[in-house]
Amino acid sequence: MIQYSWLIPAMPALAYALIAIFTRKQKALSAGISILTMATCFLMSVGIFFDLSKMDPANRLVTFGATWLQVQPWQANVGVLIDPLSVNMLLVVTFISLLVQIYSLGYMHDDERFSTYYAYLSLFTSSMLLLVVSNNYLQIFVGVGIGRSLLLLIDRILVLQA
């Protein structure tokens, strides 16, 4: 299961794209995609937790990576780092996000921007999960940037509605 850990931040980003492009008018489908994605991410996190707990304590650091961009002498890598701390944070972030999304079903049911809310929530969760599993500063910067932008966007929407 650890070899698929890169899917955990990618799946909510894919859910964001699906909701934003295809299901904006279908509230139930938008919520279903987002909640099912987070439930899958949580179950994958649990699987990674058990895989990591079976490993030798001295070797509980797993990393995957690839070169994303190379301009001599600079090289940008993209990758995933899995260790006990990141697995615990994966469990916390995916579980809390799943609870928030389930709670939001009742809280947001009459809102006209229901699908947009679930799309933004999926993208925000993806950026937080990217922060958790990043193995370099460039990915951390991207995760923080996306997360901060979404918070500012949501704040702007709330100010305009007031």
C-alpha atoms as a PDB file:
ATOM      1  CA  MET A   1       0.000   0.000   0.000  1.00  0.00           C
ATOM      2  CA  ILE A   2       2.912   2.383   0.654  1.00  0.00           C
ATOM      3  CA  GLN A   3       3.833   2.430  -3.033  1.00  0.00           C
ATOM      4  CA  TYR A   4       0.446   4.062  -3.747  1.00  0.00           C
ATOM      5  CA  SER A   5       0.858   6.806  -1.144  1.00  0.00           C
ATOM      6  CA  TRP A   6       1.308   9.399  -3.883  1.00  0.00           C
ATOM      7  CA  LEU A   7      -2.361   8.883  -4.741  1.00  0.00           C
ATOM      8  CA  ILE A   8      -3.543  10.299  -1.418  1.00  0.00           C
ATOM      9  CA  PRO A   9      -2.956  13.995  -2.312  1.00  0.00           C
ATOM     10  CA  ALA A  10      -3.711  13.345  -5.994  1.00  0.00           C
ATOM     11  CA  MET A  11      -7.186  11.877  -5.482  1.00  0.00           C
ATOM     12  CA  PRO A  12      -8.775  14.974  -3.881  1.00  0.00           C
ATOM     13  CA  ALA A  13      -7.204  17.109  -6.626  1.00  0.00           C
ATOM     14  CA  LEU A  14      -8.826  14.839  -9.193  1.00  0.00           C
ATOM     15  CA  ALA A  15     -12.128  15.084  -7.291  1.00  0.00           C
ATOM     16  CA  TYR A  16     -11.814  18.881  -7.462  1.00  0.00           C
ATOM     17  CA  ALA A  17     -11.361  18.735 -11.235  1.00  0.00           C
ATOM     18  CA  LEU A  18     -14.297  16.360 -11.713  1.00  0.00           C
ATOM     19  CA  ILE A  19     -16.621  18.468  -9.576  1.00  0.00           C
ATOM     20  CA  ALA A  20     -15.501  21.790 -11.054  1.00  0.00           C
ATOM     21  CA  ILE A  21     -15.789  20.638 -14.665  1.00  0.00           C
ATOM     22  CA  PHE A  22     -18.544  18.035 -14.823  1.00  0.00           C
ATOM     23  CA  THR A  23     -20.861  18.037 -11.801  1.00  0.00           C
ATOM     24  CA  ARG A  24     -21.421  21.680 -10.852  1.00  0.00           C
ATOM     25  CA  LYS A  25     -25.194  21.397 -11.315  1.00  0.00           C
ATOM     26  CA  GLN A  26     -25.570  18.028  -9.552  1.00  0.00           C
ATOM     27  CA  LYS A  27     -25.326  18.561  -5.806  1.00  0.00           C
ATOM     28  CA  ALA A  28     -25.644  14.939  -4.707  1.00  0.00           C
ATOM     29  CA  LEU A  29     -23.077  13.703  -7.204  1.00  0.00           C
ATOM     30  CA  SER A  30     -20.610  16.446  -6.240  1.00  0.00           C
ATOM     31  CA  ALA A  31     -20.905  15.609  -2.557  1.00  0.00           C
ATOM     32  CA  GLY A  32     -20.730  11.884  -3.285  1.00  0.00           C
ATOM     33  CA  ILE A  33     -17.532  12.213  -5.312  1.00  0.00           C
ATOM     34  CA  SER A  34     -15.876  14.325  -2.641  1.00  0.00           C
ATOM     35  CA  ILE A  35     -16.935  12.176   0.322  1.00  0.00           C
ATOM     36  CA  LEU A  36     -16.104   8.900  -1.439  1.00  0.00           C
ATOM     37  CA  THR A  37     -12.683  10.272  -2.358  1.00  0.00           C
ATOM     38  CA  MET A  38     -11.945  11.254   1.240  1.00  0.00           C
ATOM     39  CA  ALA A  39     -13.168   7.900   2.563  1.00  0.00           C
ATOM     40  CA  THR A  40     -10.856   6.163   0.091  1.00  0.00           C
ATOM     41  CA  CYS A  41      -7.944   8.389   1.140  1.00  0.00           C
ATOM     42  CA  PHE A  42      -8.622   7.606   4.805  1.00  0.00           C
ATOM     43  CA  LEU A  43      -8.723   3.856   4.133  1.00  0.00           C
ATOM     44  CA  MET A  44      -5.479   4.120   2.155  1.00  0.00           C
ATOM     45  CA  SER A  45      -3.915   5.992   5.079  1.00  0.00           C
ATOM     46  CA  VAL A  46      -4.966   3.213   7.438  1.00  0.00           C
ATOM     47  CA  GLY A  47      -3.415   0.658   5.067  1.00  0.00           C
ATOM     48  CA  ILE A  48      -0.184   2.654   4.903  1.00  0.00           C
ATOM     49  CA  PHE A  49      -0.174   2.888   8.704  1.00  0.00           C
ATOM     50  CA  PHE A  50      -0.387  -0.899   9.022  1.00  0.00           C
ATOM     51  CA  ASP A  51       2.252  -1.430   6.302  1.00  0.00           C
ATOM     52  CA  LEU A  52       4.624   0.935   8.058  1.00  0.00           C
ATOM     53  CA  SER A  53       3.978  -0.645  11.465  1.00  0.00           C
ATOM     54  CA  LYS A  54       5.047  -4.043  10.080  1.00  0.00           C
ATOM     55  CA  MET A  55       8.413  -2.628   8.969  1.00  0.00           C
ATOM     56  CA  ASP A  56      11.596  -2.713  11.020  1.00  0.00           C
ATOM     57  CA  PRO A  57      11.670   0.432  13.238  1.00  0.00           C
ATOM     58  CA  ALA A  58      15.126   1.321  11.931  1.00  0.00           C
ATOM     59  CA  ASN A  59      13.845   1.373   8.316  1.00  0.00           C
ATOM     60  CA  ARG A  60      10.555   3.240   8.692  1.00  0.00           C
ATOM     61  CA  LEU A  61      11.454   5.927   6.188  1.00  0.00           C
ATOM     62  CA  VAL A  62      10.130   5.382   2.677  1.00  0.00           C
ATOM     63  CA  THR A  63      10.595   7.898  -0.101  1.00  0.00           C
ATOM     64  CA  PHE A  64       9.608   7.975  -3.759  1.00  0.00           C
ATOM     65  CA  GLY A  65      10.675  10.613  -6.217  1.00  0.00           C
ATOM     66  CA  ALA A  66      11.240  11.652  -9.786  1.00  0.00           C
ATOM     67  CA  THR A  67      12.708  14.611 -11.619  1.00  0.00           C
ATOM     68  CA  TRP A  68       9.988  17.016 -12.621  1.00  0.00           C
ATOM     69  CA  LEU A  69      12.010  19.776 -14.278  1.00  0.00           C
ATOM     70  CA  GLN A  70      15.704  20.070 -15.035  1.00  0.00           C
ATOM     71  CA  VAL A  71      17.400  23.278 -16.084  1.00  0.00           C
ATOM     72  CA  GLN A  72      21.159  23.070 -15.631  1.00  0.00           C
ATOM     73  CA  PRO A  73      22.458  23.402 -12.934  1.00  0.00           C
ATOM     74  CA  TRP A  74      19.054  23.365 -11.184  1.00  0.00           C
ATOM     75  CA  GLN A  75      16.767  20.369 -10.812  1.00  0.00           C
ATOM     76  CA  ALA A  76      13.208  20.263  -9.432  1.00  0.00           C
ATOM     77  CA  ASN A  77      12.079  16.956  -7.986  1.00  0.00           C
ATOM     78  CA  VAL A  78       8.645  15.752  -7.026  1.00  0.00           C
ATOM     79  CA  GLY A  79       8.168  12.993  -4.504  1.00  0.00           C
ATOM     80  CA  VAL A  80       6.598  11.495  -1.419  1.00  0.00           C
ATOM     81  CA  LEU A  81       8.127  10.907   1.998  1.00  0.00           C
ATOM     82  CA  ILE A  82       6.458   8.398   4.303  1.00  0.00           C
ATOM     83  CA  ASP A  83       7.612   8.097   7.908  1.00  0.00           C
ATOM     84  CA  PRO A  84       5.761   7.576  11.205  1.00  0.00           C
ATOM     85  CA  LEU A  85       5.004  11.290  11.623  1.00  0.00           C
ATOM     86  CA  SER A  86       3.642  11.724   8.099  1.00  0.00           C
ATOM     87  CA  VAL A  87       1.486   8.595   8.417  1.00  0.00           C
ATOM     88  CA  ASN A  88      -0.028   9.862  11.660  1.00  0.00           C
ATOM     89  CA  MET A  89      -0.725  13.221  10.031  1.00  0.00           C
ATOM     90  CA  LEU A  90      -2.257  11.449   7.015  1.00  0.00           C
ATOM     91  CA  LEU A  91      -4.646   9.686   9.373  1.00  0.00           C
ATOM     92  CA  VAL A  92      -5.573  12.922  11.156  1.00  0.00           C
ATOM     93  CA  VAL A  93      -6.018  15.058   8.028  1.00  0.00           C
ATOM     94  CA  THR A  94      -8.001  12.480   6.055  1.00  0.00           C
ATOM     95  CA  PHE A  95     -10.241  11.568   9.010  1.00  0.00           C
ATOM     96  CA  ILE A  96     -11.020  15.190   9.974  1.00  0.00           C
ATOM     97  CA  SER A  97     -11.601  16.113   6.348  1.00  0.00           C
ATOM     98  CA  LEU A  98     -13.958  13.171   5.936  1.00  0.00           C
ATOM     99  CA  LEU A  99     -15.905  14.276   9.022  1.00  0.00           C
ATOM    100  CA  VAL A 100     -16.089  17.874   7.773  1.00  0.00           C
ATOM    101  CA  GLN A 101     -17.385  16.736   4.397  1.00  0.00           C
ATOM    102  CA  ILE A 102     -20.031  14.500   5.936  1.00  0.00           C
ATOM    103  CA  TYR A 103     -21.116  17.257   8.333  1.00  0.00           C
ATOM    104  CA  SER A 104     -21.285  19.734   5.454  1.00  0.00           C
ATOM    105  CA  LEU A 105     -23.982  17.665   3.744  1.00  0.00           C
ATOM    106  CA  GLY A 106     -26.545  18.882   6.234  1.00  0.00           C
ATOM    107  CA  TYR A 107     -25.034  22.283   6.859  1.00  0.00           C
ATOM    108  CA  MET A 108     -24.736  23.328   3.205  1.00  0.00           C
ATOM    109  CA  HIS A 109     -27.757  21.503   1.723  1.00  0.00           C
ATOM    110  CA  ASP A 110     -29.660  24.689   0.776  1.00  0.00           C
ATOM    111  CA  ASP A 111     -26.682  26.697  -0.410  1.00  0.00           C
ATOM    112  CA  GLU A 112     -26.658  27.663  -4.073  1.00  0.00           C
ATOM    113  CA  ARG A 113     -22.882  27.104  -4.327  1.00  0.00           C
ATOM    114  CA  PHE A 114     -22.997  23.605  -2.834  1.00  0.00           C
ATOM    115  CA  SER A 115     -20.926  21.963  -5.574  1.00  0.00           C
ATOM    116  CA  THR A 116     -18.408  24.811  -5.559  1.00  0.00           C
ATOM    117  CA  TYR A 117     -17.981  24.371  -1.816  1.00  0.00           C
ATOM    118  CA  TYR A 118     -17.218  20.667  -2.220  1.00  0.00           C
ATOM    119  CA  ALA A 119     -14.828  21.381  -5.083  1.00  0.00           C
ATOM    120  CA  TYR A 120     -12.919  23.932  -3.003  1.00  0.00           C
ATOM    121  CA  LEU A 121     -12.928  21.642   0.021  1.00  0.00           C
ATOM    122  CA  SER A 122     -11.428  18.833  -2.067  1.00  0.00           C
ATOM    123  CA  LEU A 123      -8.704  21.116  -3.415  1.00  0.00           C
ATOM    124  CA  PHE A 124      -7.930  22.465   0.061  1.00  0.00           C
ATOM    125  CA  THR A 125      -7.659  18.915   1.421  1.00  0.00           C
ATOM    126  CA  SER A 126      -5.385  17.996  -1.463  1.00  0.00           C
ATOM    127  CA  SER A 127      -3.065  20.899  -0.644  1.00  0.00           C
ATOM    128  CA  MET A 128      -2.955  19.904   3.042  1.00  0.00           C
ATOM    129  CA  LEU A 129      -2.180  16.293   2.125  1.00  0.00           C
ATOM    130  CA  LEU A 130       0.538  17.528  -0.231  1.00  0.00           C
ATOM    131  CA  LEU A 131       2.098  19.335   2.735  1.00  0.00           C
ATOM    132  CA  VAL A 132       2.019  16.130   4.777  1.00  0.00           C
ATOM    133  CA  VAL A 133       3.755  13.855   2.249  1.00  0.00           C
ATOM    134  CA  SER A 134       6.108  16.329   0.524  1.00  0.00           C
ATOM    135  CA  ASN A 135       9.743  15.398   0.358  1.00  0.00           C
ATOM    136  CA  ASN A 136      11.076  18.788  -0.746  1.00  0.00           C
ATOM    137  CA  TYR A 137      10.556  22.496  -0.178  1.00  0.00           C
ATOM    138  CA  LEU A 138       9.111  23.188  -3.637  1.00  0.00           C
ATOM    139  CA  GLN A 139       6.156  20.881  -2.996  1.00  0.00           C
ATOM    140  CA  ILE A 140       5.651  22.377   0.459  1.00  0.00           C
ATOM    141  CA  PHE A 141       5.597  25.844  -1.119  1.00  0.00           C
ATOM    142  CA  VAL A 142       2.998  24.714  -3.682  1.00  0.00           C
ATOM    143  CA  GLY A 143       0.835  23.136  -0.958  1.00  0.00           C
ATOM    144  CA  VAL A 144       0.981  26.249   1.222  1.00  0.00           C
ATOM    145  CA  GLY A 145       0.275  28.502  -1.756  1.00  0.00           C
ATOM    146  CA  ILE A 146      -2.792  26.559  -2.850  1.00  0.00           C
ATOM    147  CA  GLY A 147      -4.101  26.318   0.704  1.00  0.00           C
ATOM    148  CA  ARG A 148      -3.613  30.024   1.398  1.00  0.00           C
ATOM    149  CA  SER A 149      -5.200  31.021  -1.918  1.00  0.00           C
ATOM    150  CA  LEU A 150      -8.258  28.918  -1.204  1.00  0.00           C
ATOM    151  CA  LEU A 151      -8.659  30.376   2.273  1.00  0.00           C
ATOM    152  CA  LEU A 152      -8.463  33.892   0.857  1.00  0.00           C
ATOM    153  CA  LEU A 153     -10.963  32.995  -1.873  1.00  0.00           C
ATOM    154  CA  ILE A 154     -13.431  31.532   0.609  1.00  0.00           C
ATOM    155  CA  ASP A 155     -13.005  34.602   2.825  1.00  0.00           C
ATOM    156  CA  ARG A 156     -13.693  36.874  -0.161  1.00  0.00           C
ATOM    157  CA  ILE A 157     -16.860  34.920  -1.024  1.00  0.00           C
ATOM    158  CA  LEU A 158     -18.111  35.189   2.552  1.00  0.00           C
ATOM    159  CA  VAL A 159     -17.430  38.951   2.616  1.00  0.00           C
ATOM    160  CA  LEU A 160     -19.336  39.421  -0.643  1.00  0.00           C
ATOM    161  CA  GLN A 161     -22.318  37.427   0.671  1.00  0.00           C
ATOM    162  CA  ALA A 162     -22.524  39.460   3.894  1.00  0.00           C
END
